[in-house]
Amino acid sequence: MESVARTPMRVAGGMNGHRGREIYGQFQMPLHYPRYTKSDYETMPEWKLDCLLSEYGLPVTGNVEQKRNYAMGAFLWPH
């Protein structure tokens, strides 16, 4: 099987003088996994859902109920 080399994308520097960095693809795992409960997701405002989903590189489309269901499916694990 042949390996595929990815070309890095250059990301511009952000606030506080951070230099640009190279990333491979668009997904970047944040440092901490979200620790919300099901009831937290059920009452979470849409803007907060949008921020959470976009932080993990997940789609931020649909109505607020679709976003809630997507976030719960992505971040809640059955016990």
Protein backbone atom coordinates (compact mmCIF):
# COMPACT_ATOMS: atom_id res chain seq x y z
CA MET A 1 0.00 0.00 0.00
CA GLU A 2 1.27 3.43 -0.91
CA SER A 3 1.50 6.21 1.68
CA VAL A 4 0.06 9.62 0.95
CA ALA A 5 1.97 12.71 1.98
CA ARG A 6 -0.13 15.64 3.12
CA THR A 7 0.84 19.20 2.39
CA PRO A 8 0.63 21.29 5.56
CA MET A 9 -1.64 24.34 5.65
CA ARG A 10 -0.18 27.51 7.07
CA VAL A 11 -2.26 29.10 9.81
CA ALA A 12 -1.72 32.76 10.54
CA GLY A 13 -0.55 33.86 13.95
CA GLY A 14 -3.15 34.73 16.51
CA MET A 15 -3.37 37.11 19.40
CA ASN A 16 -0.57 37.66 21.90
CA GLY A 17 2.12 37.50 19.21
CA HIS A 18 1.85 33.77 18.56
CA ARG A 19 3.53 32.79 15.34
CA GLY A 20 1.71 30.95 12.58
CA ARG A 21 1.88 27.17 12.63
CA GLU A 22 1.43 24.34 10.19
CA ILE A 23 -1.50 21.99 10.58
CA TYR A 24 -2.46 18.89 8.65
CA GLY A 25 -6.18 18.90 7.87
CA GLN A 26 -8.83 20.85 9.72
CA PHE A 27 -9.47 18.83 12.88
CA GLN A 28 -7.55 19.87 15.97
CA MET A 29 -8.28 18.11 19.24
CA PRO A 30 -8.68 20.63 22.06
CA LEU A 31 -6.75 20.01 25.24
CA HIS A 32 -9.78 18.96 27.31
CA TYR A 33 -12.75 16.76 26.46
CA PRO A 34 -16.08 18.49 27.27
CA ARG A 35 -17.54 17.42 30.60
CA TYR A 36 -21.17 18.36 30.19
CA THR A 37 -24.10 16.21 31.28
CA LYS A 38 -27.14 15.38 29.20
CA SER A 39 -29.14 18.01 31.07
CA ASP A 40 -26.38 20.57 30.34
CA TYR A 41 -26.72 19.91 26.60
CA GLU A 42 -30.53 20.03 26.80
CA THR A 43 -30.44 23.56 28.27
CA MET A 44 -27.30 24.87 26.54
CA PRO A 45 -27.91 28.02 24.47
CA GLU A 46 -27.39 27.74 20.73
CA TRP A 47 -24.38 30.08 20.68
CA LYS A 48 -22.58 27.86 23.20
CA LEU A 49 -23.35 24.73 21.17
CA ASP A 50 -21.98 26.49 18.08
CA CYS A 51 -18.75 27.36 19.92
CA LEU A 52 -18.35 23.84 21.29
CA LEU A 53 -18.94 22.13 17.96
CA SER A 54 -16.69 24.48 16.02
CA GLU A 55 -13.92 24.10 18.63
CA TYR A 56 -13.81 20.38 17.79
CA GLY A 57 -14.11 20.95 14.04
CA LEU A 58 -17.62 19.47 13.94
CA PRO A 59 -20.46 20.76 11.74
CA VAL A 60 -22.42 23.71 13.08
CA THR A 61 -25.46 23.35 10.84
CA GLY A 62 -29.12 22.68 11.49
CA ASN A 63 -31.51 23.95 14.09
CA VAL A 64 -30.75 24.07 17.80
CA GLU A 65 -32.33 20.65 18.48
CA GLN A 66 -30.23 19.02 15.75
CA LYS A 67 -27.10 20.62 17.19
CA ARG A 68 -27.99 19.41 20.70
CA ASN A 69 -28.58 15.87 19.48
CA TYR A 70 -25.32 15.91 17.52
CA ALA A 71 -23.33 17.20 20.51
CA MET A 72 -24.87 14.61 22.84
CA GLY A 73 -24.11 11.84 20.35
CA ALA A 74 -20.53 13.02 19.92
CA PHE A 75 -19.62 13.78 23.52
CA LEU A 76 -21.80 11.65 25.83
CA TRP A 77 -20.73 8.07 26.36
CA PRO A 78 -23.15 5.42 27.61
CA HIS A 79 -22.32 4.15 31.09
